[in-house]
Structure formats: C-alpha cells, structure tokens
C-alpha cells in the first residue's frame, strides 16, 4: 500500500504564540493598535509639517537661503513619512495585534521585506532629526569653537551608532543567496534585537547631550536675565526629546525579552513617530521664535492687535 502523504499544516490557523491566558487565538476581530497608530501618526505628521513650513519660510525670509540644519530637517521629515507608510501597510496586513492573535501566514514575503526596509529607514531618519538640532547650534553659536567642534564630533558619532540598525538589517535580516525570505532570515533578524537596545540607550544619551550643550553659552551671553530665561526656555524644549527617547528604550527592552513582540513593536512604532516628528518640531522652536519676533510683530496685523 502506498505511503500516505504527511498532512500540510495550515498556517492561517496557527498563531505566532500561545495566549498566556490560555484563551484560543482570535483571528476574526482581535484587539488592534492600528487605529491608534494611524490617528497619532497623522496628527504628528501634520504638527511636524506645519512647524517645518514655518521654519523654512522664516529662514528663507530672513536669510534668503536654507542651511544644513534645514536640509537635515527636510530629510528627517521625508524619512518619517516613509517609516509611517511602511508600518501602515504592515498594520493593514495584521501586524498591529497581539502575537497570539496573528496567524503565521501573516508573515509573507512582502511583510518581511517591509520590516527590513523599516530598519534601513529608521536609523538615518532618527540621526537626521537629531543632527538637525546640532547643525542649528553650529549656525547660531558657530563662533564658539568648543561648541562647534563638539557638535560636529557628536553628529559623526551619532551616525556611527544609528548605523548599527543598518548593520542589523543587512547581514542579519536580508535573505542570503538561495534562501527564501522568512525562516532562517527571520530567526537571524530576531536574534539581533539586542542591537536595538544598545541603540536605544545611546539615543537617550544623545538627547541629554543635545539638551545641555547650548546652556553654558546661553548663560555666558551678555544679555538681560529675562532674555537668558527666554532663550533657555526655547532651547529647553529639548527636555521633551529626552522623555521621548526613554519610552522607546523601554519598549525595545520589552521586545528583546519577547513579551508580546508584535503589540509592543506597534507601540514602539507609535512612540518612534512621536520621537521623529516631535524632534522636528523641537528643532523648529528657534525659527518659530524668530518668526514671532522678527516677522509677525512687524506686520500691520500685529499693529492693529496691539
């Protein structure tokens, strides 16, 4: 009698993980973060876009040209939008759920390729958003030698560390010759999760450095105390960056520990969007201040309002 063929597993019915509560997987109408991610992202993209428009308009009006910090900001905004679109497509394919509510069939070749592309995009995007602030310091305080040199060194140093994401996405996550997407490449990619924790720690350190760098110069300026406080408040908006980088670090650690990876990865996507476009908004604070003091207060509208 001919040997019977082994039954083929139906991947549409096998969850990525077992529900800790013991409940069966919910493939029909499971909880999802898709709507939260979409709403938050759209809101932050609009805020970042408005701030960037004010920044570029103000600098073109006052300086008649754009500088390095402006171009870095544009690059970060573009990268942030691309990062959001890729995550949106994966969310629509079902990745914004709890791990135990996602069938194994969800991880198609397209999903895996988008996940790898996300790793390539997020690194230079985060770097550009933070480097834009340092380049702005160079523009404003370029005559202060120690600050100018420190900013350039830190820009290069950040590029090296954020490049670790690309190191992971390349050798670890891209399928090798003769190898299909998924399977071994997915296992290798997952084993590199510790790199993202390292990058997360560095991101917090980078934001702290960016926050404190201008204050020695501001405090040493020969201006009134009120103006020093005003400048300190403008540059002190960098405190927001520190908070926004601590939360992603916490989520990176949770993902590394394999606690509901897909759900927490979606949360990481949300806070990364907040970090990217929040950083863009923060870097535009000096330009917004200049718009108010040097452009808006000289208009007829302001004269009438007074």
C-alpha atoms as a PDB file:
ATOM      1  CA  UNK A   1       0.000   0.000   0.000  1.00  0.00           C
ATOM      2  CA  UNK A   2       1.339   3.432  -0.914  1.00  0.00           C
ATOM      3  CA  UNK A   3       2.538   5.535   1.964  1.00  0.00           C
ATOM      4  CA  UNK A   4       0.165   8.319   2.939  1.00  0.00           C
ATOM      5  CA  UNK A   5       1.390  11.895   2.469  1.00  0.00           C
ATOM      6  CA  UNK A   6       2.003  13.853   5.658  1.00  0.00           C
ATOM      7  CA  UNK A   7      -0.700  16.465   6.210  1.00  0.00           C
ATOM      8  CA  UNK A   8       0.351  20.023   5.386  1.00  0.00           C
ATOM      9  CA  UNK A   9      -0.018  22.482   8.268  1.00  0.00           C
ATOM     10  CA  UNK A  10      -2.496  25.293   7.628  1.00  0.00           C
ATOM     11  CA  UNK A  11      -0.527  28.413   8.639  1.00  0.00           C
ATOM     12  CA  UNK A  12      -3.709  30.504   8.618  1.00  0.00           C
ATOM     13  CA  UNK A  13      -4.844  28.623  11.739  1.00  0.00           C
ATOM     14  CA  UNK A  14      -1.579  28.559  13.709  1.00  0.00           C
ATOM     15  CA  UNK A  15      -0.854  31.598  15.958  1.00  0.00           C
ATOM     16  CA  UNK A  16       2.624  33.064  16.319  1.00  0.00           C
ATOM     17  CA  UNK A  17       2.464  32.467  20.071  1.00  0.00           C
ATOM     18  CA  UNK A  18       0.263  30.909  22.732  1.00  0.00           C
ATOM     19  CA  UNK A  19      -2.059  33.241  24.632  1.00  0.00           C
ATOM     20  CA  UNK A  20      -0.739  33.483  28.238  1.00  0.00           C
ATOM     21  CA  UNK A  21      -4.338  33.402  29.496  1.00  0.00           C
ATOM     22  CA  UNK A  22      -4.922  30.063  27.811  1.00  0.00           C
ATOM     23  CA  UNK A  23      -7.666  31.502  25.590  1.00  0.00           C
ATOM     24  CA  UNK A  24      -7.771  30.442  21.932  1.00  0.00           C
ATOM     25  CA  UNK A  25      -6.453  32.825  19.257  1.00  0.00           C
ATOM     26  CA  UNK A  26      -8.822  35.455  17.898  1.00  0.00           C
ATOM     27  CA  UNK A  27      -8.242  35.761  14.171  1.00  0.00           C
ATOM     28  CA  UNK A  28     -11.641  37.305  13.375  1.00  0.00           C
ATOM     29  CA  UNK A  29     -11.941  40.570  15.354  1.00  0.00           C
ATOM     30  CA  UNK A  30      -8.939  40.818  17.697  1.00  0.00           C
ATOM     31  CA  UNK A  31      -7.809  43.921  19.600  1.00  0.00           C
ATOM     32  CA  UNK A  32      -5.564  46.067  17.407  1.00  0.00           C
ATOM     33  CA  UNK A  33      -3.488  49.227  17.679  1.00  0.00           C
ATOM     34  CA  UNK A  34      -3.979  50.042  14.009  1.00  0.00           C
ATOM     35  CA  UNK A  35      -6.401  52.946  14.544  1.00  0.00           C
ATOM     36  CA  UNK A  36      -4.332  54.408  17.401  1.00  0.00           C
ATOM     37  CA  UNK A  37      -1.178  54.267  15.294  1.00  0.00           C
ATOM     38  CA  UNK A  38      -2.946  55.879  12.341  1.00  0.00           C
ATOM     39  CA  UNK A  39      -4.520  58.723  14.328  1.00  0.00           C
ATOM     40  CA  UNK A  40      -1.365  59.531  16.283  1.00  0.00           C
ATOM     41  CA  UNK A  41       0.831  59.432  13.190  1.00  0.00           C
ATOM     42  CA  UNK A  42      -1.408  61.687  11.099  1.00  0.00           C
ATOM     43  CA  UNK A  43      -1.604  64.230  13.941  1.00  0.00           C
ATOM     44  CA  UNK A  44       2.168  64.288  14.485  1.00  0.00           C
ATOM     45  CA  UNK A  45       2.926  64.465  10.756  1.00  0.00           C
ATOM     46  CA  UNK A  46       0.636  67.495  10.480  1.00  0.00           C
ATOM     47  CA  UNK A  47       2.247  69.196  13.501  1.00  0.00           C
ATOM     48  CA  UNK A  48       5.751  68.434  12.225  1.00  0.00           C
ATOM     49  CA  UNK A  49       4.844  69.593   8.725  1.00  0.00           C
ATOM     50  CA  UNK A  50       3.416  72.901   9.959  1.00  0.00           C
ATOM     51  CA  UNK A  51       6.472  73.568  12.138  1.00  0.00           C
ATOM     52  CA  UNK A  52       8.794  72.684   9.250  1.00  0.00           C
ATOM     53  CA  UNK A  53       6.890  75.007   6.904  1.00  0.00           C
ATOM     54  CA  UNK A  54       7.221  77.870   9.396  1.00  0.00           C
ATOM     55  CA  UNK A  55      10.919  77.075   9.794  1.00  0.00           C
ATOM     56  CA  UNK A  56      11.684  77.056   6.073  1.00  0.00           C
ATOM     57  CA  UNK A  57       9.557  80.130   5.401  1.00  0.00           C
ATOM     58  CA  UNK A  58      11.172  82.084   8.239  1.00  0.00           C
ATOM     59  CA  UNK A  59      14.722  81.159   7.246  1.00  0.00           C
ATOM     60  CA  UNK A  60      14.091  81.987   3.583  1.00  0.00           C
ATOM     61  CA  UNK A  61      12.569  85.311   4.602  1.00  0.00           C
ATOM     62  CA  UNK A  62      15.374  86.302   6.975  1.00  0.00           C
ATOM     63  CA  UNK A  63      18.439  84.579   5.476  1.00  0.00           C
ATOM     64  CA  UNK A  64      17.353  84.245   1.825  1.00  0.00           C
ATOM     65  CA  UNK A  65      18.649  80.668   1.843  1.00  0.00           C
ATOM     66  CA  UNK A  66      18.421  77.299   3.556  1.00  0.00           C
ATOM     67  CA  UNK A  67      21.256  75.861   5.641  1.00  0.00           C
ATOM     68  CA  UNK A  68      22.451  72.367   6.568  1.00  0.00           C
ATOM     69  CA  UNK A  69      20.090  72.130   9.546  1.00  0.00           C
ATOM     70  CA  UNK A  70      17.114  72.898   7.288  1.00  0.00           C
ATOM     71  CA  UNK A  71      18.038  70.180   4.799  1.00  0.00           C
ATOM     72  CA  UNK A  72      18.564  67.667   7.622  1.00  0.00           C
ATOM     73  CA  UNK A  73      15.110  68.546   8.917  1.00  0.00           C
ATOM     74  CA  UNK A  74      13.578  68.001   5.468  1.00  0.00           C
ATOM     75  CA  UNK A  75      15.378  64.641   5.222  1.00  0.00           C
ATOM     76  CA  UNK A  76      14.083  63.605   8.656  1.00  0.00           C
ATOM     77  CA  UNK A  77      10.523  64.589   7.752  1.00  0.00           C
ATOM     78  CA  UNK A  78      10.658  62.615   4.495  1.00  0.00           C
ATOM     79  CA  UNK A  79      12.135  59.590   6.261  1.00  0.00           C
ATOM     80  CA  UNK A  80       9.494  59.812   8.977  1.00  0.00           C
ATOM     81  CA  UNK A  81       6.683  59.756   6.418  1.00  0.00           C
ATOM     82  CA  UNK A  82       8.260  56.757   4.642  1.00  0.00           C
ATOM     83  CA  UNK A  83       8.643  54.963   8.001  1.00  0.00           C
ATOM     84  CA  UNK A  84       4.964  55.581   8.765  1.00  0.00           C
ATOM     85  CA  UNK A  85       3.766  54.355   5.355  1.00  0.00           C
ATOM     86  CA  UNK A  86       5.687  51.067   5.656  1.00  0.00           C
ATOM     87  CA  UNK A  87       4.341  50.458   9.156  1.00  0.00           C
ATOM     88  CA  UNK A  88       0.832  51.368   7.992  1.00  0.00           C
ATOM     89  CA  UNK A  89       0.990  48.731   5.250  1.00  0.00           C
ATOM     90  CA  UNK A  90       2.156  46.111   7.753  1.00  0.00           C
ATOM     91  CA  UNK A  91      -0.590  47.122  10.189  1.00  0.00           C
ATOM     92  CA  UNK A  92      -3.173  46.656   7.438  1.00  0.00           C
ATOM     93  CA  UNK A  93      -1.753  43.157   6.928  1.00  0.00           C
ATOM     94  CA  UNK A  94      -2.434  42.377  10.598  1.00  0.00           C
ATOM     95  CA  UNK A  95       0.793  43.082  12.500  1.00  0.00           C
ATOM     96  CA  UNK A  96      -0.742  45.591  14.935  1.00  0.00           C
ATOM     97  CA  UNK A  97      -2.290  42.792  17.021  1.00  0.00           C
ATOM     98  CA  UNK A  98      -1.234  40.697  19.991  1.00  0.00           C
ATOM     99  CA  UNK A  99       1.226  37.996  18.955  1.00  0.00           C
ATOM    100  CA  UNK A 100      -1.243  35.231  19.834  1.00  0.00           C
ATOM    101  CA  UNK A 101      -3.913  36.758  17.570  1.00  0.00           C
ATOM    102  CA  UNK A 102      -1.708  36.728  14.460  1.00  0.00           C
ATOM    103  CA  UNK A 103      -1.620  33.629  12.230  1.00  0.00           C
ATOM    104  CA  UNK A 104       1.771  32.529  10.964  1.00  0.00           C
ATOM    105  CA  UNK A 105       0.553  33.108   7.409  1.00  0.00           C
ATOM    106  CA  UNK A 106       0.687  36.866   8.097  1.00  0.00           C
ATOM    107  CA  UNK A 107       4.463  36.886   7.670  1.00  0.00           C
ATOM    108  CA  UNK A 108       4.509  36.941   3.892  1.00  0.00           C
ATOM    109  CA  UNK A 109       7.498  37.891   1.776  1.00  0.00           C
ATOM    110  CA  UNK A 110       6.102  41.429   1.370  1.00  0.00           C
ATOM    111  CA  UNK A 111       5.723  41.864   5.137  1.00  0.00           C
ATOM    112  CA  UNK A 112       9.261  40.631   5.788  1.00  0.00           C
ATOM    113  CA  UNK A 113      10.691  42.918   3.107  1.00  0.00           C
ATOM    114  CA  UNK A 114       8.847  45.920   4.537  1.00  0.00           C
ATOM    115  CA  UNK A 115      10.082  45.073   8.037  1.00  0.00           C
ATOM    116  CA  UNK A 116      13.650  45.037   6.740  1.00  0.00           C
ATOM    117  CA  UNK A 117      13.127  48.311   4.856  1.00  0.00           C
ATOM    118  CA  UNK A 118      11.851  49.888   8.094  1.00  0.00           C
ATOM    119  CA  UNK A 119      15.167  49.071   9.773  1.00  0.00           C
ATOM    120  CA  UNK A 120      17.047  50.758   6.938  1.00  0.00           C
ATOM    121  CA  UNK A 121      14.877  53.885   7.108  1.00  0.00           C
ATOM    122  CA  UNK A 122      14.548  54.500  10.854  1.00  0.00           C
ATOM    123  CA  UNK A 123      18.299  54.806  11.526  1.00  0.00           C
ATOM    124  CA  UNK A 124      19.146  57.707   9.159  1.00  0.00           C
ATOM    125  CA  UNK A 125      15.800  59.342   9.970  1.00  0.00           C
ATOM    126  CA  UNK A 126      16.467  59.483  13.717  1.00  0.00           C
ATOM    127  CA  UNK A 127      20.032  60.602  13.052  1.00  0.00           C
ATOM    128  CA  UNK A 128      18.942  63.422  10.729  1.00  0.00           C
ATOM    129  CA  UNK A 129      16.287  64.681  13.160  1.00  0.00           C
ATOM    130  CA  UNK A 130      18.810  64.977  15.994  1.00  0.00           C
ATOM    131  CA  UNK A 131      21.703  66.132  13.790  1.00  0.00           C
ATOM    132  CA  UNK A 132      19.469  68.985  12.589  1.00  0.00           C
ATOM    133  CA  UNK A 133      19.467  70.408  16.127  1.00  0.00           C
ATOM    134  CA  UNK A 134      23.257  70.179  16.389  1.00  0.00           C
ATOM    135  CA  UNK A 135      23.633  71.803  12.961  1.00  0.00           C
ATOM    136  CA  UNK A 136      21.357  74.577  14.203  1.00  0.00           C
ATOM    137  CA  UNK A 137      23.665  75.091  17.197  1.00  0.00           C
ATOM    138  CA  UNK A 138      26.578  75.394  14.754  1.00  0.00           C
ATOM    139  CA  UNK A 139      24.666  78.014  12.783  1.00  0.00           C
ATOM    140  CA  UNK A 140      23.716  80.074  15.851  1.00  0.00           C
ATOM    141  CA  UNK A 141      26.831  79.616  18.002  1.00  0.00           C
ATOM    142  CA  UNK A 142      29.394  78.878  15.274  1.00  0.00           C
ATOM    143  CA  UNK A 143      31.887  81.396  16.665  1.00  0.00           C
ATOM    144  CA  UNK A 144      32.164  79.388  19.901  1.00  0.00           C
ATOM    145  CA  UNK A 145      34.961  76.985  18.975  1.00  0.00           C
ATOM    146  CA  UNK A 146      34.399  74.282  21.600  1.00  0.00           C
ATOM    147  CA  UNK A 147      30.674  74.100  20.873  1.00  0.00           C
ATOM    148  CA  UNK A 148      31.146  73.993  17.092  1.00  0.00           C
ATOM    149  CA  UNK A 149      33.702  71.180  17.330  1.00  0.00           C
ATOM    150  CA  UNK A 150      31.658  69.235  19.866  1.00  0.00           C
ATOM    151  CA  UNK A 151      28.592  69.416  17.628  1.00  0.00           C
ATOM    152  CA  UNK A 152      30.474  68.110  14.593  1.00  0.00           C
ATOM    153  CA  UNK A 153      32.016  65.264  16.598  1.00  0.00           C
ATOM    154  CA  UNK A 154      28.630  64.343  18.027  1.00  0.00           C
ATOM    155  CA  UNK A 155      26.981  64.410  14.589  1.00  0.00           C
ATOM    156  CA  UNK A 156      29.537  61.878  13.309  1.00  0.00           C
ATOM    157  CA  UNK A 157      29.375  59.808  16.494  1.00  0.00           C
ATOM    158  CA  UNK A 158      25.578  59.581  16.271  1.00  0.00           C
ATOM    159  CA  UNK A 159      25.819  58.478  12.642  1.00  0.00           C
ATOM    160  CA  UNK A 160      28.037  55.560  13.679  1.00  0.00           C
ATOM    161  CA  UNK A 161      25.702  54.393  16.418  1.00  0.00           C
ATOM    162  CA  UNK A 162      22.484  54.759  14.481  1.00  0.00           C
ATOM    163  CA  UNK A 163      24.237  52.858  11.721  1.00  0.00           C
ATOM    164  CA  UNK A 164      24.003  49.790  13.976  1.00  0.00           C
ATOM    165  CA  UNK A 165      20.394  49.459  12.816  1.00  0.00           C
ATOM    166  CA  UNK A 166      21.628  49.146   9.240  1.00  0.00           C
ATOM    167  CA  UNK A 167      24.261  46.628  10.352  1.00  0.00           C
ATOM    168  CA  UNK A 168      21.430  44.547  11.786  1.00  0.00           C
ATOM    169  CA  UNK A 169      19.150  44.978   8.780  1.00  0.00           C
ATOM    170  CA  UNK A 170      21.877  43.957   6.350  1.00  0.00           C
ATOM    171  CA  UNK A 171      23.754  40.807   7.435  1.00  0.00           C
ATOM    172  CA  UNK A 172      21.040  39.641   9.845  1.00  0.00           C
ATOM    173  CA  UNK A 173      17.713  40.344   8.146  1.00  0.00           C
ATOM    174  CA  UNK A 174      18.238  40.208   4.374  1.00  0.00           C
ATOM    175  CA  UNK A 175      17.825  36.722   2.932  1.00  0.00           C
ATOM    176  CA  UNK A 176      21.045  35.228   1.637  1.00  0.00           C
ATOM    177  CA  UNK A 177      21.685  33.753  -1.787  1.00  0.00           C
ATOM    178  CA  UNK A 178      19.392  30.803  -2.423  1.00  0.00           C
ATOM    179  CA  UNK A 179      17.442  31.467   0.780  1.00  0.00           C
ATOM    180  CA  UNK A 180      13.755  32.386   0.929  1.00  0.00           C
ATOM    181  CA  UNK A 181      12.501  35.395   2.892  1.00  0.00           C
ATOM    182  CA  UNK A 182      11.362  34.278   6.333  1.00  0.00           C
ATOM    183  CA  UNK A 183      12.510  31.108   8.060  1.00  0.00           C
ATOM    184  CA  UNK A 184      16.240  31.350   8.748  1.00  0.00           C
ATOM    185  CA  UNK A 185      16.452  35.048   7.837  1.00  0.00           C
ATOM    186  CA  UNK A 186      13.599  35.852  10.257  1.00  0.00           C
ATOM    187  CA  UNK A 187      15.334  33.917  13.055  1.00  0.00           C
ATOM    188  CA  UNK A 188      18.620  35.727  12.394  1.00  0.00           C
ATOM    189  CA  UNK A 189      16.879  39.096  12.328  1.00  0.00           C
ATOM    190  CA  UNK A 190      15.163  38.386  15.640  1.00  0.00           C
ATOM    191  CA  UNK A 191      18.471  37.329  17.239  1.00  0.00           C
ATOM    192  CA  UNK A 192      19.859  40.835  16.569  1.00  0.00           C
ATOM    193  CA  UNK A 193      17.248  42.527  18.801  1.00  0.00           C
ATOM    194  CA  UNK A 194      19.928  43.301  21.407  1.00  0.00           C
ATOM    195  CA  UNK A 195      21.433  45.821  18.972  1.00  0.00           C
ATOM    196  CA  UNK A 196      18.273  47.905  19.147  1.00  0.00           C
ATOM    197  CA  UNK A 197      18.521  48.062  22.936  1.00  0.00           C
ATOM    198  CA  UNK A 198      22.076  49.405  22.588  1.00  0.00           C
ATOM    199  CA  UNK A 199      20.889  51.982  20.064  1.00  0.00           C
ATOM    200  CA  UNK A 200      18.043  52.925  22.415  1.00  0.00           C
ATOM    201  CA  UNK A 201      20.448  53.561  25.294  1.00  0.00           C
ATOM    202  CA  UNK A 202      22.619  55.708  23.059  1.00  0.00           C
ATOM    203  CA  UNK A 203      19.573  57.639  21.860  1.00  0.00           C
ATOM    204  CA  UNK A 204      18.816  58.714  25.427  1.00  0.00           C
ATOM    205  CA  UNK A 205      22.451  59.764  25.962  1.00  0.00           C
ATOM    206  CA  UNK A 206      22.441  61.685  22.663  1.00  0.00           C
ATOM    207  CA  UNK A 207      19.314  63.602  23.626  1.00  0.00           C
ATOM    208  CA  UNK A 208      20.747  64.529  27.034  1.00  0.00           C
ATOM    209  CA  UNK A 209      23.895  65.868  25.339  1.00  0.00           C
ATOM    210  CA  UNK A 210      21.806  67.818  22.811  1.00  0.00           C
ATOM    211  CA  UNK A 211      19.766  69.285  25.673  1.00  0.00           C
ATOM    212  CA  UNK A 212      22.677  70.563  27.782  1.00  0.00           C
ATOM    213  CA  UNK A 213      25.099  71.678  25.038  1.00  0.00           C
ATOM    214  CA  UNK A 214      23.823  75.241  24.443  1.00  0.00           C
ATOM    215  CA  UNK A 215      23.215  76.233  28.066  1.00  0.00           C
ATOM    216  CA  UNK A 216      26.815  77.164  29.014  1.00  0.00           C
ATOM    217  CA  UNK A 217      26.867  79.502  26.007  1.00  0.00           C
ATOM    218  CA  UNK A 218      23.419  80.968  26.712  1.00  0.00           C
ATOM    219  CA  UNK A 219      24.267  81.612  30.363  1.00  0.00           C
ATOM    220  CA  UNK A 220      27.513  83.323  29.318  1.00  0.00           C
ATOM    221  CA  UNK A 221      25.842  85.796  26.962  1.00  0.00           C
ATOM    222  CA  UNK A 222      25.922  89.468  27.983  1.00  0.00           C
ATOM    223  CA  UNK A 223      22.167  89.942  27.876  1.00  0.00           C
ATOM    224  CA  UNK A 224      19.481  90.583  30.449  1.00  0.00           C
ATOM    225  CA  UNK A 225      18.310  87.809  32.753  1.00  0.00           C
ATOM    226  CA  UNK A 226      14.872  87.880  31.126  1.00  0.00           C
ATOM    227  CA  UNK A 227      16.386  87.238  27.681  1.00  0.00           C
ATOM    228  CA  UNK A 228      18.538  84.440  29.101  1.00  0.00           C
ATOM    229  CA  UNK A 229      15.451  82.802  30.571  1.00  0.00           C
ATOM    230  CA  UNK A 230      13.629  83.208  27.256  1.00  0.00           C
ATOM    231  CA  UNK A 231      16.492  81.620  25.315  1.00  0.00           C
ATOM    232  CA  UNK A 232      16.773  78.899  27.931  1.00  0.00           C
ATOM    233  CA  UNK A 233      13.074  78.134  27.529  1.00  0.00           C
ATOM    234  CA  UNK A 234      13.447  77.887  23.741  1.00  0.00           C
ATOM    235  CA  UNK A 235      16.406  75.511  23.909  1.00  0.00           C
ATOM    236  CA  UNK A 236      14.946  73.784  26.959  1.00  0.00           C
ATOM    237  CA  UNK A 237      12.265  72.276  24.751  1.00  0.00           C
ATOM    238  CA  UNK A 238      14.912  69.594  24.226  1.00  0.00           C
ATOM    239  CA  UNK A 239      13.727  68.138  27.540  1.00  0.00           C
ATOM    240  CA  UNK A 240      10.854  66.708  25.520  1.00  0.00           C
ATOM    241  CA  UNK A 241      13.396  64.784  23.416  1.00  0.00           C
ATOM    242  CA  UNK A 242      14.831  63.060  26.472  1.00  0.00           C
ATOM    243  CA  UNK A 243      11.385  61.884  27.575  1.00  0.00           C
ATOM    244  CA  UNK A 244      10.530  60.729  24.052  1.00  0.00           C
ATOM    245  CA  UNK A 245      13.714  58.637  23.823  1.00  0.00           C
ATOM    246  CA  UNK A 246      13.263  56.940  27.221  1.00  0.00           C
ATOM    247  CA  UNK A 247       9.906  55.378  26.258  1.00  0.00           C
ATOM    248  CA  UNK A 248      11.249  53.743  23.043  1.00  0.00           C
ATOM    249  CA  UNK A 249      14.164  52.351  25.059  1.00  0.00           C
ATOM    250  CA  UNK A 250      11.736  50.724  27.495  1.00  0.00           C
ATOM    251  CA  UNK A 251       9.768  49.196  24.615  1.00  0.00           C
ATOM    252  CA  UNK A 252      12.945  47.951  22.928  1.00  0.00           C
ATOM    253  CA  UNK A 253      13.856  46.095  26.124  1.00  0.00           C
ATOM    254  CA  UNK A 254      10.381  44.517  26.307  1.00  0.00           C
ATOM    255  CA  UNK A 255      10.573  43.416  22.668  1.00  0.00           C
ATOM    256  CA  UNK A 256      14.052  41.977  23.285  1.00  0.00           C
ATOM    257  CA  UNK A 257      12.564  39.931  26.132  1.00  0.00           C
ATOM    258  CA  UNK A 258       9.957  38.625  23.659  1.00  0.00           C
ATOM    259  CA  UNK A 259       6.937  39.883  25.615  1.00  0.00           C
ATOM    260  CA  UNK A 260       4.116  40.172  23.037  1.00  0.00           C
ATOM    261  CA  UNK A 261       6.573  41.359  20.388  1.00  0.00           C
ATOM    262  CA  UNK A 262       4.149  42.490  17.656  1.00  0.00           C
ATOM    263  CA  UNK A 263       1.910  44.503  20.005  1.00  0.00           C
ATOM    264  CA  UNK A 264       4.879  46.222  21.647  1.00  0.00           C
ATOM    265  CA  UNK A 265       6.549  46.740  18.267  1.00  0.00           C
ATOM    266  CA  UNK A 266       3.442  48.677  17.197  1.00  0.00           C
ATOM    267  CA  UNK A 267       3.679  50.754  20.377  1.00  0.00           C
ATOM    268  CA  UNK A 268       7.344  51.340  19.504  1.00  0.00           C
ATOM    269  CA  UNK A 269       6.270  52.488  16.046  1.00  0.00           C
ATOM    270  CA  UNK A 270       3.855  55.000  17.614  1.00  0.00           C
ATOM    271  CA  UNK A 271       6.423  56.465  20.022  1.00  0.00           C
ATOM    272  CA  UNK A 272       9.072  56.468  17.267  1.00  0.00           C
ATOM    273  CA  UNK A 273       6.725  58.577  15.136  1.00  0.00           C
ATOM    274  CA  UNK A 274       6.257  60.869  18.137  1.00  0.00           C
ATOM    275  CA  UNK A 275      10.040  60.998  18.614  1.00  0.00           C
ATOM    276  CA  UNK A 276      10.777  61.780  14.952  1.00  0.00           C
ATOM    277  CA  UNK A 277       8.172  64.472  14.378  1.00  0.00           C
ATOM    278  CA  UNK A 278       8.451  65.753  17.947  1.00  0.00           C
ATOM    279  CA  UNK A 279      12.188  66.231  17.388  1.00  0.00           C
ATOM    280  CA  UNK A 280      11.445  68.068  14.144  1.00  0.00           C
ATOM    281  CA  UNK A 281       9.016  70.346  15.985  1.00  0.00           C
ATOM    282  CA  UNK A 282      11.537  70.985  18.784  1.00  0.00           C
ATOM    283  CA  UNK A 283      14.290  71.804  16.274  1.00  0.00           C
ATOM    284  CA  UNK A 284      11.939  74.378  14.729  1.00  0.00           C
ATOM    285  CA  UNK A 285      11.411  76.216  18.051  1.00  0.00           C
ATOM    286  CA  UNK A 286      14.131  78.869  17.439  1.00  0.00           C
ATOM    287  CA  UNK A 287      12.730  79.548  13.950  1.00  0.00           C
ATOM    288  CA  UNK A 288       9.210  79.847  15.371  1.00  0.00           C
ATOM    289  CA  UNK A 289      10.548  82.324  17.922  1.00  0.00           C
ATOM    290  CA  UNK A 290      12.290  84.291  15.149  1.00  0.00           C
ATOM    291  CA  UNK A 291       9.071  84.287  13.117  1.00  0.00           C
ATOM    292  CA  UNK A 292       7.211  85.829  16.046  1.00  0.00           C
ATOM    293  CA  UNK A 293       9.839  88.417  16.984  1.00  0.00           C
ATOM    294  CA  UNK A 294      11.182  89.429  13.565  1.00  0.00           C
ATOM    295  CA  UNK A 295       8.301  88.851  11.160  1.00  0.00           C
ATOM    296  CA  UNK A 296       4.878  88.718  12.779  1.00  0.00           C
ATOM    297  CA  UNK A 297       5.452  91.591  15.238  1.00  0.00           C
ATOM    298  CA  UNK A 298       6.398  93.841  12.291  1.00  0.00           C
ATOM    299  CA  UNK A 299       3.157  93.243  10.381  1.00  0.00           C
ATOM    300  CA  UNK A 300       0.149  95.533  10.180  1.00  0.00           C
ATOM    301  CA  UNK A 301      -1.977  92.825  11.756  1.00  0.00           C
ATOM    302  CA  UNK A 302       0.184  92.925  14.880  1.00  0.00           C
ATOM    303  CA  UNK A 303      -0.038  96.721  14.976  1.00  0.00           C
ATOM    304  CA  UNK A 304      -3.833  96.521  14.865  1.00  0.00           C
ATOM    305  CA  UNK A 305      -3.930  93.820  17.544  1.00  0.00           C
ATOM    306  CA  UNK A 306      -1.802  95.992  19.825  1.00  0.00           C
END
